[in-house]
Amino acid sequence: MTALARRPSLTRRYLAIEVPRALATVGALLPPSLQALLADAVVSDSSRTSLLMARERTALADPPSSYGTIRARSLLLAPIDAPTRATAATVRAPTLVELAEEATTEAPSQDSFVGALGGGGAIGKWLSKMLSAVRQISGGGSPGADAPTHWARSARRGSRAAMFSSTATGSFEDQRRERESGTKYPEWDLETQRYRVDWCTVSEVEVETRPDAARFEISERTGLRRALARLGHGVDHDHHQAQGDELDIDAVIESRIELLAGSAPDEDVFIDSVRRRRDLSVLILLDVSGSAGEPGEGGKTVHEQQRSAAAALTLALHELGDRVALYAYHSQGRDAVRLMPVKRFADDTGPRFLQRLGGLEPGAYSRLGAAIRHGTALLQDFGGTPRQLLVVLSDGLAYDHGYEPAYGAADSQRALGEARSQGVACLCLSIGASTDAESLRKVFGKLAHAALPTPDQLSQVIGPLFRSAIKSADVRRRIA
């Protein structure tokens, strides 16, 4: 930066060489349009090399306006600790769509370090987002607890190895503290048909454990287990088998070598594909907004019936060996969306789980879109399985301050679409509520959803609903 200060010509030459090199280091995160531009543009291997090349006398074309500029003096005058400064909220890394929409409307950055880099161009603003101290790339985080998620078989018969999830990227306590301080998410504006970037703040709030609240009615779950038993099975490929779906090439080669060496060849030369292990993680979002406290079917409130269904579904999935988490949610404006962890993926289903669930009281409003986005992030960070399912238990009334029904329905649909585009299956259930089918369709769209009068009927429909949601996500994952 010292070399570039007060030298606009050298700065332009440096920018023309350095920007393609810098973007190439994060090539996997670039939109296709930028990747095409950088196909043959990278000629430097480091920022120092870029500066040396810029100082040479060779002719260089001026960088396009989309590169922005570098304000070297502003960067040199920035406080020393500016790059490490952090805000109170943990900010979710924006998607490429959000960045593209934001590039033409975003106000100048308040961080002097970030503001000195990139200038006003679209790529410059994208770089500023990537290098901002409060940005965190999510989506590839550690999956759940350090417990075996499934068994993997080696090439030889009879040997098995447990597959463990890894926490090398950071401790769960650090991530938990970050989530409790608040995570920002965008929101879809129905009127302008654009995202409001970093519009909502979602915080995780611990639920009070109340020993006196553990006794409440739980739906019968034998039928649920039976309906879900055949779902969520991953495929194990057993090598060196006497029969199977395809040839095991390694086994065939070994058999041929043994035959040429004069030994009796091994005739087990097939691979048998068997679905035997569970490979499904499920996160249940339970709506505990004020509307859930209204009377429902059978003389019980909507909350009591949805709580009963949530408990039965969580226990049934846990008993089947699936990874399951249960979070309750409500909101009080866009800056106060609260998610309450009743059971995290690493937690058991002991007395504390029932005490936390029984102690929930309906209140406030329902900013459903923000809750769905945070639930999707939790699944991707901690699910730890190839197949992931988000189950929303809600009366379908998405409403909050500045979050009118039509606006909320559009944002919720958008959030569910974002989850599906990331390979997360989505299922929406409304139990005991009087919400009409058309209102539910406006919120949940064409996704798998059902409205049931009582939780006892859940076992009759849960199998087809799970199967439909998971199949749809599998298809999207294969296309991607």
Protein backbone atom coordinates (compact mmCIF):
# COMPACT_ATOMS: atom_id res chain seq x y z
CA MET A 1 0.00 0.00 0.00
CA THR A 2 2.91 2.37 0.68
CA ALA A 3 4.15 1.81 -2.87
CA LEU A 4 0.70 2.58 -4.31
CA ALA A 5 0.00 5.74 -2.29
CA ARG A 6 -0.32 8.86 -4.51
CA ARG A 7 0.46 6.81 -7.63
CA PRO A 8 -2.85 6.32 -9.51
CA SER A 9 -1.20 4.95 -12.65
CA LEU A 10 0.67 2.23 -10.72
CA THR A 11 -2.48 1.49 -8.73
CA ARG A 12 -4.47 0.86 -11.92
CA ARG A 13 -1.78 -1.43 -13.32
CA TYR A 14 -1.54 -3.33 -10.00
CA LEU A 15 -5.31 -3.70 -9.86
CA ALA A 16 -5.45 -5.14 -13.39
CA ILE A 17 -3.00 -7.91 -12.35
CA GLU A 18 -3.92 -8.49 -8.69
CA VAL A 19 -7.72 -8.71 -8.85
CA PRO A 20 -7.80 -11.82 -11.12
CA ARG A 21 -5.17 -13.49 -8.90
CA ALA A 22 -7.08 -12.66 -5.70
CA LEU A 23 -10.38 -13.87 -7.11
CA ALA A 24 -8.77 -17.09 -8.37
CA THR A 25 -7.91 -18.01 -4.76
CA VAL A 26 -11.65 -18.14 -3.98
CA GLY A 27 -12.68 -19.49 -7.37
CA ALA A 28 -15.12 -22.02 -5.91
CA LEU A 29 -17.19 -19.19 -4.44
CA LEU A 30 -17.38 -17.08 -7.60
CA PRO A 31 -20.52 -16.85 -9.76
CA PRO A 32 -20.13 -18.40 -13.23
CA SER A 33 -19.93 -14.99 -14.92
CA LEU A 34 -16.78 -14.07 -12.99
CA GLN A 35 -15.22 -17.50 -13.48
CA ALA A 36 -15.55 -17.06 -17.26
CA LEU A 37 -13.82 -13.68 -17.10
CA LEU A 38 -10.89 -15.14 -15.19
CA ALA A 39 -10.31 -18.11 -17.49
CA ASP A 40 -7.01 -16.81 -18.92
CA ALA A 41 -6.45 -13.67 -16.86
CA VAL A 42 -4.34 -14.94 -13.95
CA VAL A 43 -0.63 -14.24 -14.55
CA SER A 44 0.62 -13.64 -11.00
CA ASP A 45 1.19 -16.03 -8.10
CA SER A 46 1.30 -13.52 -5.21
CA SER A 47 0.55 -9.89 -4.36
CA ARG A 48 4.29 -9.13 -4.32
CA THR A 49 4.67 -10.53 -7.84
CA SER A 50 1.69 -8.44 -8.96
CA LEU A 51 3.39 -5.28 -7.69
CA LEU A 52 6.68 -6.13 -9.41
CA MET A 53 4.87 -6.77 -12.70
CA ALA A 54 2.93 -3.52 -12.36
CA ARG A 55 6.20 -1.59 -12.05
CA GLU A 56 7.50 -2.99 -15.34
CA ARG A 57 7.24 -1.03 -18.59
CA THR A 58 5.14 -3.58 -20.46
CA ALA A 59 1.83 -2.37 -21.84
CA LEU A 60 -1.22 -3.24 -19.74
CA ALA A 61 -4.87 -2.54 -20.46
CA ASP A 62 -6.69 -0.47 -17.87
CA PRO A 63 -8.76 -2.56 -15.44
CA PRO A 64 -12.53 -2.62 -16.06
CA SER A 65 -14.65 -0.30 -13.93
CA SER A 66 -16.18 -3.32 -12.18
CA TYR A 67 -12.81 -3.84 -10.38
CA GLY A 68 -13.37 -0.59 -8.47
CA THR A 69 -10.20 0.96 -7.06
CA ILE A 70 -7.79 0.82 -4.13
CA ARG A 71 -7.62 3.83 -1.83
CA ALA A 72 -4.12 3.22 -0.51
CA ARG A 73 -3.91 6.34 1.67
CA SER A 74 -7.20 5.55 3.42
CA LEU A 75 -6.01 2.02 4.07
CA LEU A 76 -2.69 3.20 5.50
CA LEU A 77 -4.46 5.67 7.79
CA ALA A 78 -6.90 3.05 9.12
CA PRO A 79 -6.50 1.98 12.78
CA ILE A 80 -4.14 -0.95 13.26
CA ASP A 81 -6.81 -3.12 14.88
CA ALA A 82 -9.45 -2.38 12.23
CA PRO A 83 -9.17 -5.75 10.45
CA THR A 84 -9.90 -7.61 13.68
CA ARG A 85 -12.76 -5.45 14.88
CA ALA A 86 -16.02 -7.40 15.31
CA THR A 87 -19.63 -6.50 15.90
CA ALA A 88 -21.97 -7.93 18.51
CA ALA A 89 -23.79 -10.03 15.95
CA THR A 90 -22.44 -12.93 13.93
CA VAL A 91 -23.24 -12.20 10.31
CA ARG A 92 -24.13 -14.96 7.91
CA ALA A 93 -22.17 -14.99 4.66
CA PRO A 94 -24.48 -13.78 1.87
CA THR A 95 -25.33 -15.95 -1.10
CA LEU A 96 -24.02 -15.01 -4.52
CA VAL A 97 -27.53 -13.89 -5.53
CA GLU A 98 -27.68 -11.51 -2.57
CA LEU A 99 -24.25 -10.13 -3.35
CA ALA A 100 -25.17 -9.51 -6.97
CA GLU A 101 -28.36 -7.68 -5.96
CA GLU A 102 -26.59 -5.78 -3.22
CA ALA A 103 -23.71 -4.56 -5.40
CA THR A 104 -25.70 -1.69 -6.91
CA THR A 105 -27.59 -0.57 -3.78
CA GLU A 106 -25.35 -1.06 -0.77
CA ALA A 107 -24.32 1.98 1.25
CA PRO A 108 -20.58 2.62 1.84
CA SER A 109 -19.01 0.42 4.50
CA GLN A 110 -18.52 1.86 7.97
CA ASP A 111 -15.34 -0.14 8.46
CA SER A 112 -12.39 1.98 7.37
CA PHE A 113 -10.33 -1.07 6.45
CA VAL A 114 -13.01 -2.66 4.27
CA GLY A 115 -14.06 0.70 2.87
CA ALA A 116 -10.52 1.38 1.66
CA LEU A 117 -10.49 -1.77 -0.44
CA GLY A 118 -12.45 -2.25 -3.63
CA GLY A 119 -13.96 1.19 -4.15
CA GLY A 120 -17.30 1.40 -5.92
CA GLY A 121 -17.10 -1.45 -8.45
CA ALA A 122 -19.23 -4.59 -8.25
CA ILE A 123 -16.18 -6.85 -7.82
CA GLY A 124 -14.72 -4.43 -5.30
CA LYS A 125 -17.85 -4.64 -3.17
CA TRP A 126 -17.80 -8.42 -3.50
CA LEU A 127 -14.20 -8.45 -2.27
CA SER A 128 -15.14 -6.20 0.63
CA LYS A 129 -17.84 -8.66 1.65
CA MET A 130 -15.42 -11.56 1.48
CA LEU A 131 -12.70 -9.80 3.51
CA SER A 132 -14.93 -8.11 6.09
CA ALA A 133 -13.95 -9.15 9.62
CA VAL A 134 -17.53 -10.00 10.57
CA ARG A 135 -18.24 -12.25 7.61
CA GLN A 136 -18.18 -16.00 8.22
CA ILE A 137 -18.48 -18.62 5.54
CA SER A 138 -21.09 -21.12 6.70
CA GLY A 139 -22.36 -24.26 5.07
CA GLY A 140 -19.37 -26.57 5.54
CA GLY A 141 -19.21 -26.55 9.29
CA SER A 142 -18.72 -29.35 11.75
CA PRO A 143 -21.60 -31.84 11.77
CA GLY A 144 -23.01 -32.37 15.23
CA ALA A 145 -21.34 -34.22 18.08
CA ASP A 146 -18.27 -36.41 17.90
CA ALA A 147 -20.27 -39.60 17.70
CA PRO A 148 -20.44 -42.20 14.90
CA THR A 149 -22.90 -41.06 12.26
CA HIS A 150 -22.72 -44.36 10.36
CA TRP A 151 -20.59 -47.41 9.78
CA ALA A 152 -18.35 -47.74 6.74
CA ARG A 153 -17.04 -51.03 5.44
CA SER A 154 -13.51 -51.47 4.10
CA ALA A 155 -12.63 -53.47 1.02
CA ARG A 156 -12.14 -56.68 2.97
CA ARG A 157 -15.02 -58.66 4.41
CA GLY A 158 -15.79 -58.49 8.09
CA SER A 159 -13.98 -55.23 8.83
CA ARG A 160 -15.87 -52.07 9.79
CA ALA A 161 -14.80 -48.60 10.83
CA ALA A 162 -16.86 -45.98 12.58
CA MET A 163 -17.21 -42.70 10.70
CA PHE A 164 -16.88 -39.80 13.13
CA SER A 165 -17.89 -36.21 12.57
CA SER A 166 -15.10 -33.68 13.02
CA THR A 167 -14.95 -30.55 15.16
CA ALA A 168 -11.61 -29.36 13.85
CA THR A 169 -13.06 -26.10 12.55
CA GLY A 170 -13.94 -24.81 16.03
CA SER A 171 -15.49 -25.82 19.32
CA PHE A 172 -19.24 -26.09 19.75
CA GLU A 173 -19.10 -23.67 22.67
CA ASP A 174 -17.57 -20.97 20.44
CA GLN A 175 -20.20 -21.52 17.77
CA ARG A 176 -22.95 -21.56 20.38
CA ARG A 177 -21.83 -18.22 21.81
CA GLU A 178 -21.74 -16.73 18.33
CA ARG A 179 -25.27 -17.90 17.57
CA GLU A 180 -26.57 -16.64 20.91
CA SER A 181 -25.19 -13.17 20.16
CA GLY A 182 -27.21 -13.01 16.96
CA THR A 183 -26.95 -14.03 13.31
CA LYS A 184 -28.14 -11.80 10.49
CA TYR A 185 -30.23 -13.05 7.59
CA PRO A 186 -31.80 -11.43 4.52
CA GLU A 187 -35.52 -11.07 3.97
CA TRP A 188 -37.48 -11.12 0.72
CA ASP A 189 -39.34 -7.87 0.02
CA LEU A 190 -42.57 -8.70 -1.80
CA GLU A 191 -43.11 -5.16 -3.09
CA THR A 192 -39.66 -4.53 -4.58
CA GLN A 193 -38.99 -8.20 -5.44
CA ARG A 194 -35.52 -7.89 -3.91
CA TYR A 195 -33.72 -9.10 -0.80
CA ARG A 196 -33.30 -6.84 2.17
CA VAL A 197 -29.76 -7.87 3.04
CA ASP A 198 -28.88 -8.49 6.72
CA TRP A 199 -32.41 -7.43 7.65
CA CYS A 200 -33.26 -9.86 10.47
CA THR A 201 -31.28 -10.85 13.57
CA VAL A 202 -31.84 -14.36 14.90
CA SER A 203 -30.59 -15.22 18.39
CA GLU A 204 -30.59 -18.52 20.23
CA VAL A 205 -32.06 -18.22 23.72
CA GLU A 206 -31.70 -21.03 26.25
CA VAL A 207 -34.97 -22.53 27.50
CA GLU A 208 -35.64 -22.60 31.22
CA THR A 209 -35.66 -26.13 32.63
CA ARG A 210 -38.82 -26.63 34.72
CA PRO A 211 -39.11 -30.00 36.50
CA ASP A 212 -42.82 -29.41 37.12
CA ALA A 213 -43.52 -28.99 33.39
CA ALA A 214 -42.32 -32.40 32.18
CA ARG A 215 -45.73 -34.05 32.46
CA PHE A 216 -47.79 -33.38 29.37
CA GLU A 217 -49.56 -35.58 26.88
CA ILE A 218 -47.39 -37.12 24.16
CA SER A 219 -48.92 -38.67 21.05
CA GLU A 220 -48.62 -42.39 20.59
CA ARG A 221 -45.38 -42.98 18.71
CA THR A 222 -45.41 -46.70 17.90
CA GLY A 223 -47.22 -45.94 14.66
CA LEU A 224 -44.76 -43.14 13.94
CA ARG A 225 -41.77 -45.47 14.36
CA ARG A 226 -43.38 -48.03 12.09
CA ALA A 227 -44.08 -45.43 9.40
CA LEU A 228 -40.58 -43.93 9.58
CA ALA A 229 -38.59 -47.16 9.98
CA ARG A 230 -38.04 -47.62 6.24
CA LEU A 231 -37.09 -44.03 5.56
CA GLY A 232 -33.70 -42.38 5.80
CA HIS A 233 -31.62 -45.48 5.11
CA GLY A 234 -28.25 -44.98 3.47
CA VAL A 235 -26.62 -47.51 1.18
CA ASP A 236 -23.73 -49.65 2.40
CA HIS A 237 -21.55 -51.19 -0.33
CA ASP A 238 -20.25 -54.59 0.82
CA HIS A 239 -17.19 -55.70 -1.16
CA HIS A 240 -15.95 -59.26 -1.81
CA GLN A 241 -19.46 -60.77 -1.87
CA ALA A 242 -20.63 -64.02 -3.50
CA GLN A 243 -23.45 -62.13 -5.23
CA GLY A 244 -24.32 -58.51 -5.76
CA ASP A 245 -25.25 -55.68 -8.10
CA GLU A 246 -21.87 -55.11 -9.76
CA LEU A 247 -18.37 -56.52 -10.07
CA ASP A 248 -15.73 -55.62 -7.50
CA ILE A 249 -12.81 -54.79 -9.81
CA ASP A 250 -10.20 -55.13 -7.05
CA ALA A 251 -11.56 -58.54 -6.10
CA VAL A 252 -11.55 -59.67 -9.75
CA ILE A 253 -7.90 -58.65 -10.15
CA GLU A 254 -6.90 -60.41 -6.92
CA SER A 255 -8.76 -63.54 -8.03
CA ARG A 256 -6.99 -63.51 -11.40
CA ILE A 257 -3.56 -63.09 -9.75
CA GLU A 258 -4.26 -66.01 -7.40
CA LEU A 259 -5.30 -68.16 -10.37
CA LEU A 260 -2.11 -67.33 -12.32
CA ALA A 261 -0.04 -68.05 -9.21
CA GLY A 262 -1.55 -71.54 -8.97
CA SER A 263 -3.73 -70.85 -5.90
CA ALA A 264 -7.44 -71.39 -5.54
CA PRO A 265 -9.08 -68.09 -6.56
CA ASP A 266 -11.59 -66.31 -4.36
CA GLU A 267 -14.98 -66.44 -6.06
CA ASP A 268 -16.48 -63.58 -4.01
CA VAL A 269 -16.02 -60.88 -6.64
CA PHE A 270 -19.22 -58.81 -6.36
CA ILE A 271 -20.35 -55.63 -4.59
CA ASP A 272 -23.65 -55.90 -2.76
CA SER A 273 -25.50 -52.64 -2.09
CA VAL A 274 -27.69 -52.85 1.00
CA ARG A 275 -29.69 -50.11 2.75
CA ARG A 276 -29.02 -50.73 6.42
CA ARG A 277 -27.71 -47.57 8.09
CA ARG A 278 -29.60 -44.41 8.97
CA ASP A 279 -28.37 -41.37 7.06
CA LEU A 280 -31.06 -38.81 7.93
CA SER A 281 -30.85 -35.74 10.18
CA VAL A 282 -34.06 -33.88 11.04
CA LEU A 283 -34.54 -30.44 12.58
CA ILE A 284 -38.03 -29.64 13.87
CA LEU A 285 -39.10 -25.98 14.14
CA LEU A 286 -41.97 -25.54 16.61
CA ASP A 287 -44.01 -22.32 16.36
CA VAL A 288 -44.64 -20.89 19.86
CA SER A 289 -45.99 -17.51 18.77
CA GLY A 290 -49.11 -16.02 20.35
CA SER A 291 -51.46 -17.47 17.71
CA ALA A 292 -50.48 -20.99 18.82
CA GLY A 293 -52.17 -20.28 22.18
CA GLU A 294 -55.61 -20.09 20.58
CA PRO A 295 -58.15 -22.91 21.10
CA GLY A 296 -57.87 -25.79 18.67
CA GLU A 297 -59.62 -29.08 18.04
CA GLY A 298 -60.69 -31.29 20.93
CA GLY A 299 -60.73 -28.55 23.57
CA LYS A 300 -56.93 -28.12 23.55
CA THR A 301 -54.87 -25.22 22.32
CA VAL A 302 -52.94 -25.39 19.06
CA HIS A 303 -49.72 -25.19 21.08
CA GLU A 304 -50.60 -28.21 23.22
CA GLN A 305 -51.35 -30.32 20.16
CA GLN A 306 -48.28 -29.24 18.20
CA ARG A 307 -46.10 -29.72 21.28
CA SER A 308 -47.47 -33.25 21.64
CA ALA A 309 -46.70 -34.00 17.99
CA ALA A 310 -43.21 -32.48 18.24
CA ALA A 311 -42.37 -34.61 21.28
CA ALA A 312 -43.63 -37.82 19.66
CA LEU A 313 -41.84 -37.14 16.37
CA THR A 314 -38.56 -36.27 18.12
CA LEU A 315 -38.64 -39.37 20.33
CA ALA A 316 -39.58 -41.67 17.43
CA LEU A 317 -36.77 -40.42 15.20
CA HIS A 318 -34.27 -40.60 18.07
CA GLU A 319 -35.28 -44.20 18.85
CA LEU A 320 -34.82 -45.15 15.19
CA GLY A 321 -31.25 -43.84 15.27
CA ASP A 322 -31.70 -40.65 13.25
CA ARG A 323 -30.01 -37.40 14.27
CA VAL A 324 -32.78 -35.09 15.42
CA ALA A 325 -33.01 -31.59 16.92
CA LEU A 326 -36.00 -29.57 18.13
CA TYR A 327 -36.08 -25.76 18.26
CA ALA A 328 -38.98 -23.49 19.21
CA TYR A 329 -39.27 -20.00 17.74
CA HIS A 330 -41.11 -16.70 18.00
CA SER A 331 -40.26 -13.06 17.25
CA GLN A 332 -40.80 -9.47 18.37
CA GLY A 333 -39.71 -7.46 15.34
CA ARG A 334 -36.95 -8.08 12.82
CA ASP A 335 -34.15 -7.56 15.37
CA ALA A 336 -35.57 -9.99 17.92
CA VAL A 337 -36.22 -13.35 16.27
CA ARG A 338 -35.68 -15.96 19.00
CA LEU A 339 -34.91 -19.65 18.52
CA MET A 340 -34.99 -21.76 21.66
CA PRO A 341 -33.05 -25.06 21.54
CA VAL A 342 -35.22 -27.69 23.23
CA LYS A 343 -32.97 -30.47 21.94
CA ARG A 344 -29.79 -29.97 19.96
CA PHE A 345 -28.41 -32.73 17.75
CA ALA A 346 -25.88 -33.72 20.42
CA ASP A 347 -28.45 -33.79 23.27
CA ASP A 348 -30.30 -36.86 24.51
CA THR A 349 -34.04 -37.23 25.05
CA GLY A 350 -33.91 -37.49 28.85
CA PRO A 351 -35.99 -35.64 31.45
CA ARG A 352 -34.45 -32.24 30.65
CA PHE A 353 -35.74 -32.46 27.08
CA LEU A 354 -39.32 -32.91 28.31
CA GLN A 355 -38.87 -30.25 31.01
CA ARG A 356 -37.72 -27.68 28.46
CA LEU A 357 -40.47 -28.60 25.99
CA GLY A 358 -43.18 -28.54 28.66
CA GLY A 359 -42.04 -25.15 29.93
CA LEU A 360 -42.61 -23.37 26.59
CA GLU A 361 -45.37 -20.76 26.63
CA PRO A 362 -46.87 -19.22 23.46
CA GLY A 363 -46.28 -15.50 22.97
CA ALA A 364 -45.15 -12.72 20.59
CA TYR A 365 -45.23 -13.13 16.80
CA SER A 366 -43.96 -15.40 14.03
CA ARG A 367 -41.26 -14.22 11.59
CA LEU A 368 -41.24 -17.58 9.89
CA GLY A 369 -38.77 -16.83 7.08
CA ALA A 370 -35.91 -15.93 9.43
CA ALA A 371 -36.59 -19.03 11.56
CA ILE A 372 -36.47 -21.26 8.46
CA ARG A 373 -33.17 -19.73 7.32
CA HIS A 374 -31.58 -20.24 10.72
CA GLY A 375 -32.94 -23.80 10.95
CA THR A 376 -31.44 -24.56 7.53
CA ALA A 377 -28.06 -23.21 8.66
CA LEU A 378 -28.18 -25.36 11.81
CA LEU A 379 -28.96 -28.46 9.74
CA GLN A 380 -26.07 -27.84 7.38
CA ASP A 381 -23.63 -27.04 10.19
CA PHE A 382 -24.56 -29.82 12.63
CA GLY A 383 -26.71 -32.37 10.75
CA GLY A 384 -23.74 -34.53 9.80
CA THR A 385 -25.63 -36.76 7.33
CA PRO A 386 -26.09 -36.75 3.54
CA ARG A 387 -29.87 -36.39 3.82
CA GLN A 388 -31.30 -33.50 5.81
CA LEU A 389 -34.94 -32.64 6.55
CA LEU A 390 -36.46 -29.46 8.00
CA VAL A 391 -39.90 -29.98 9.60
CA VAL A 392 -41.93 -26.84 10.36
CA LEU A 393 -44.74 -27.26 12.91
CA SER A 394 -46.82 -24.10 12.58
CA ASP A 395 -50.37 -22.84 12.15
CA GLY A 396 -49.14 -21.09 9.02
CA LEU A 397 -49.76 -17.55 10.29
CA ALA A 398 -46.54 -15.66 9.47
CA TYR A 399 -46.99 -12.23 11.06
CA ASP A 400 -44.81 -9.65 12.86
CA HIS A 401 -44.11 -5.92 12.94
CA GLY A 402 -43.67 -4.93 9.29
CA TYR A 403 -44.32 -8.55 8.36
CA GLU A 404 -47.91 -8.57 7.11
CA PRO A 405 -49.53 -11.89 6.08
CA ALA A 406 -48.94 -11.52 2.31
CA TYR A 407 -45.39 -10.25 2.85
CA GLY A 408 -44.66 -13.00 5.41
CA ALA A 409 -46.07 -15.72 3.15
CA ALA A 410 -43.84 -14.60 0.26
CA ASP A 411 -40.73 -14.45 2.47
CA SER A 412 -41.47 -17.87 4.01
CA GLN A 413 -41.93 -19.43 0.57
CA ARG A 414 -38.65 -17.85 -0.50
CA ALA A 415 -36.82 -19.18 2.58
CA LEU A 416 -38.16 -22.69 1.95
CA GLY A 417 -37.04 -22.45 -1.68
CA GLU A 418 -33.55 -21.42 -0.52
CA ALA A 419 -33.41 -24.46 1.77
CA ARG A 420 -34.45 -26.82 -1.02
CA SER A 421 -31.90 -25.29 -3.40
CA GLN A 422 -29.22 -26.27 -0.85
CA GLY A 423 -30.39 -29.90 -0.82
CA VAL A 424 -32.43 -29.66 2.41
CA ALA A 425 -35.80 -31.40 2.28
CA CYS A 426 -38.71 -29.40 3.72
CA LEU A 427 -41.95 -30.57 5.32
CA CYS A 428 -44.64 -28.35 6.86
CA LEU A 429 -47.28 -29.54 9.34
CA SER A 430 -50.22 -27.70 10.90
CA ILE A 431 -51.92 -29.59 13.72
CA GLY A 432 -55.07 -28.56 15.57
CA ALA A 433 -55.24 -25.13 13.90
CA SER A 434 -58.23 -23.70 12.06
CA THR A 435 -56.12 -22.20 9.25
CA ASP A 436 -57.76 -22.89 5.88
CA ALA A 437 -56.01 -24.84 3.16
CA GLU A 438 -55.63 -21.82 0.86
CA SER A 439 -53.77 -19.81 3.53
CA LEU A 440 -51.42 -22.74 4.14
CA ARG A 441 -50.82 -23.05 0.41
CA LYS A 442 -49.83 -19.38 0.23
CA VAL A 443 -47.15 -19.95 2.89
CA PHE A 444 -45.92 -23.43 2.02
CA GLY A 445 -46.55 -23.42 -1.74
CA LYS A 446 -46.15 -26.78 -3.45
CA LEU A 447 -43.94 -28.24 -0.74
CA ALA A 448 -45.00 -31.34 1.16
CA HIS A 449 -47.42 -30.12 3.82
CA ALA A 450 -50.51 -31.29 5.70
CA ALA A 451 -53.13 -29.88 8.07
CA LEU A 452 -54.35 -32.36 10.68
CA PRO A 453 -57.11 -31.88 13.26
CA THR A 454 -55.31 -33.91 15.97
CA PRO A 455 -51.75 -35.24 16.49
CA ASP A 456 -53.06 -38.82 16.67
CA GLN A 457 -53.50 -38.77 12.89
CA LEU A 458 -49.86 -37.95 12.28
CA SER A 459 -48.78 -41.57 11.94
CA GLN A 460 -51.20 -42.05 9.04
CA VAL A 461 -49.60 -39.40 6.82
CA ILE A 462 -46.04 -38.99 8.07
CA GLY A 463 -44.56 -41.80 5.94
CA PRO A 464 -45.72 -40.47 2.53
CA LEU A 465 -44.91 -36.88 3.55
CA PHE A 466 -41.34 -37.73 4.62
CA ARG A 467 -40.83 -39.84 1.52
CA SER A 468 -42.06 -37.09 -0.81
CA ALA A 469 -39.90 -34.40 0.81
CA ILE A 470 -36.74 -36.54 0.86
CA LYS A 471 -37.23 -37.74 -2.71
CA SER A 472 -37.64 -34.16 -3.94
CA ALA A 473 -34.41 -33.11 -2.17
CA ASP A 474 -32.54 -36.15 -3.57
CA VAL A 475 -33.55 -35.17 -7.10
CA ARG A 476 -32.37 -31.58 -6.59
CA ARG A 477 -29.08 -32.81 -5.12
CA ARG A 478 -28.43 -35.05 -8.14
CA ILE A 479 -29.19 -32.19 -10.54
CA ALA A 480 -26.83 -29.87 -8.64
